[in-house]
Amino acid sequence: MPIDKTPVWRHQLTLVDREELNVDGVISLGSYDEKEVVMETEQGMMLVRGDGLNIKQLNLDQGNIIIDGIIKAISYEEAGQSKKGLLNRLLK
């Protein structure tokens, strides 16, 4: 029986004064710019929207990202939507 070597982290968010977001349980980083950061987490695709967003720290070995800037919205893609739909939206 093969052993799954994919690490499993607890998905957790810490938002400080809407200016610094620490996310645990990050699997991969999709796209990012100063208005939006897209990442895959243990709980699905997560979108962070705001102004002046900057990735302050990224450690995929530990499944952690720290984003600073003005955080305006945090949302998840619904499980029923396909990744292809998200990819098409990102490539527009």
C-alpha atoms as a PDB file:
ATOM      1  CA  MET A   1       0.000   0.000   0.000  1.00  0.00           C
ATOM      2  CA  PRO A   2       1.617   3.295  -1.099  1.00  0.00           C
ATOM      3  CA  ILE A   3       2.181   5.929   1.542  1.00  0.00           C
ATOM      4  CA  ASP A   4       0.769   9.367   0.761  1.00  0.00           C
ATOM      5  CA  LYS A   5       3.627  11.801   1.343  1.00  0.00           C
ATOM      6  CA  THR A   6       1.457  14.872   0.867  1.00  0.00           C
ATOM      7  CA  PRO A   7       1.602  16.816   4.132  1.00  0.00           C
ATOM      8  CA  VAL A   8      -1.686  17.729   5.755  1.00  0.00           C
ATOM      9  CA  TRP A   9      -1.799  21.050   7.564  1.00  0.00           C
ATOM     10  CA  ARG A  10      -4.565  22.565   9.565  1.00  0.00           C
ATOM     11  CA  HIS A  11      -6.182  25.367   7.579  1.00  0.00           C
ATOM     12  CA  GLN A  12      -6.189  28.496   9.686  1.00  0.00           C
ATOM     13  CA  LEU A  13      -6.410  32.245   9.008  1.00  0.00           C
ATOM     14  CA  THR A  14      -5.154  35.076  11.196  1.00  0.00           C
ATOM     15  CA  LEU A  15      -6.037  38.619  10.117  1.00  0.00           C
ATOM     16  CA  VAL A  16      -4.501  41.533  12.007  1.00  0.00           C
ATOM     17  CA  ASP A  17      -6.152  44.966  11.552  1.00  0.00           C
ATOM     18  CA  ARG A  18      -7.085  44.032   7.947  1.00  0.00           C
ATOM     19  CA  GLU A  19      -3.423  44.721   7.082  1.00  0.00           C
ATOM     20  CA  GLU A  20      -1.679  41.375   7.566  1.00  0.00           C
ATOM     21  CA  LEU A  21      -3.125  37.957   6.733  1.00  0.00           C
ATOM     22  CA  ASN A  22      -1.384  34.787   7.853  1.00  0.00           C
ATOM     23  CA  VAL A  23      -2.742  31.615   6.214  1.00  0.00           C
ATOM     24  CA  ASP A  24      -1.775  28.070   7.248  1.00  0.00           C
ATOM     25  CA  GLY A  25      -2.710  25.009   5.199  1.00  0.00           C
ATOM     26  CA  VAL A  26      -1.603  26.434   1.838  1.00  0.00           C
ATOM     27  CA  ILE A  27      -0.865  23.788  -0.787  1.00  0.00           C
ATOM     28  CA  SER A  28       0.162  26.024  -3.691  1.00  0.00           C
ATOM     29  CA  LEU A  29       0.137  29.627  -4.845  1.00  0.00           C
ATOM     30  CA  GLY A  30      -1.858  30.336  -7.983  1.00  0.00           C
ATOM     31  CA  SER A  31      -1.592  33.922  -9.164  1.00  0.00           C
ATOM     32  CA  TYR A  32      -1.111  37.188  -7.378  1.00  0.00           C
ATOM     33  CA  ASP A  33      -0.910  40.905  -7.946  1.00  0.00           C
ATOM     34  CA  GLU A  34      -1.573  43.986  -5.826  1.00  0.00           C
ATOM     35  CA  LYS A  35      -5.366  43.470  -6.087  1.00  0.00           C
ATOM     36  CA  GLU A  36      -5.805  39.678  -5.720  1.00  0.00           C
ATOM     37  CA  VAL A  37      -3.975  36.608  -4.415  1.00  0.00           C
ATOM     38  CA  VAL A  38      -5.231  33.134  -5.421  1.00  0.00           C
ATOM     39  CA  MET A  39      -4.035  30.032  -3.602  1.00  0.00           C
ATOM     40  CA  GLU A  40      -4.997  26.404  -3.139  1.00  0.00           C
ATOM     41  CA  THR A  41      -5.580  25.469   0.500  1.00  0.00           C
ATOM     42  CA  GLU A  42      -6.627  22.344   2.363  1.00  0.00           C
ATOM     43  CA  GLN A  43     -10.189  23.747   2.206  1.00  0.00           C
ATOM     44  CA  GLY A  44     -10.226  24.606  -1.513  1.00  0.00           C
ATOM     45  CA  MET A  45      -9.246  27.543  -3.702  1.00  0.00           C
ATOM     46  CA  MET A  46      -9.032  30.760  -1.671  1.00  0.00           C
ATOM     47  CA  LEU A  47      -9.110  34.289  -3.079  1.00  0.00           C
ATOM     48  CA  VAL A  48      -7.871  37.315  -1.150  1.00  0.00           C
ATOM     49  CA  ARG A  49      -8.787  40.719  -2.578  1.00  0.00           C
ATOM     50  CA  GLY A  50      -7.572  44.129  -1.530  1.00  0.00           C
ATOM     51  CA  ASP A  51      -5.259  47.025  -2.313  1.00  0.00           C
ATOM     52  CA  GLY A  52      -1.474  47.044  -2.288  1.00  0.00           C
ATOM     53  CA  LEU A  53      -1.316  43.305  -1.584  1.00  0.00           C
ATOM     54  CA  ASN A  54       2.187  41.938  -1.175  1.00  0.00           C
ATOM     55  CA  ILE A  55       3.411  38.461  -0.305  1.00  0.00           C
ATOM     56  CA  LYS A  56       5.569  39.128   2.725  1.00  0.00           C
ATOM     57  CA  GLN A  57       6.478  35.472   3.300  1.00  0.00           C
ATOM     58  CA  LEU A  58       5.793  32.190   1.497  1.00  0.00           C
ATOM     59  CA  ASN A  59       6.808  28.777   2.808  1.00  0.00           C
ATOM     60  CA  LEU A  60       5.104  25.956   0.917  1.00  0.00           C
ATOM     61  CA  ASP A  61       7.152  23.334   2.810  1.00  0.00           C
ATOM     62  CA  GLN A  62       5.284  24.401   5.949  1.00  0.00           C
ATOM     63  CA  GLY A  63       2.099  25.407   4.087  1.00  0.00           C
ATOM     64  CA  ASN A  64       2.210  29.050   5.194  1.00  0.00           C
ATOM     65  CA  ILE A  65       1.814  32.436   3.509  1.00  0.00           C
ATOM     66  CA  ILE A  66       1.771  35.955   4.939  1.00  0.00           C
ATOM     67  CA  ILE A  67       0.135  38.695   2.875  1.00  0.00           C
ATOM     68  CA  ASP A  68       0.241  42.360   3.763  1.00  0.00           C
ATOM     69  CA  GLY A  69      -1.732  45.275   2.330  1.00  0.00           C
ATOM     70  CA  ILE A  70      -5.334  46.354   2.789  1.00  0.00           C
ATOM     71  CA  ILE A  71      -7.481  43.191   2.904  1.00  0.00           C
ATOM     72  CA  LYS A  72     -10.991  43.826   1.525  1.00  0.00           C
ATOM     73  CA  ALA A  73     -12.342  40.313   0.951  1.00  0.00           C
ATOM     74  CA  ILE A  74     -11.519  36.666   1.566  1.00  0.00           C
ATOM     75  CA  SER A  75     -13.508  34.054  -0.316  1.00  0.00           C
ATOM     76  CA  TYR A  76     -13.427  30.425  -1.393  1.00  0.00           C
ATOM     77  CA  GLU A  77     -14.368  28.906  -4.716  1.00  0.00           C
ATOM     78  CA  GLU A  78     -17.346  26.602  -4.307  1.00  0.00           C
ATOM     79  CA  ALA A  79     -16.491  22.914  -4.446  1.00  0.00           C
ATOM     80  CA  GLY A  80     -18.984  22.429  -7.296  1.00  0.00           C
ATOM     81  CA  GLN A  81     -17.081  24.768  -9.595  1.00  0.00           C
ATOM     82  CA  SER A  82     -14.353  23.228 -11.674  1.00  0.00           C
ATOM     83  CA  LYS A  83     -10.727  24.271 -11.508  1.00  0.00           C
ATOM     84  CA  LYS A  84     -10.947  24.831 -15.251  1.00  0.00           C
ATOM     85  CA  GLY A  85     -13.485  27.621 -14.628  1.00  0.00           C
ATOM     86  CA  LEU A  86     -11.105  29.312 -12.199  1.00  0.00           C
ATOM     87  CA  LEU A  87      -8.182  28.850 -14.572  1.00  0.00           C
ATOM     88  CA  ASN A  88     -10.124  30.358 -17.467  1.00  0.00           C
ATOM     89  CA  ARG A  89     -11.059  33.355 -15.312  1.00  0.00           C
ATOM     90  CA  LEU A  90      -7.433  33.863 -14.279  1.00  0.00           C
ATOM     91  CA  LEU A  91      -6.176  33.747 -17.854  1.00  0.00           C
ATOM     92  CA  LYS A  92      -8.554  36.451 -19.127  1.00  0.00           C
END
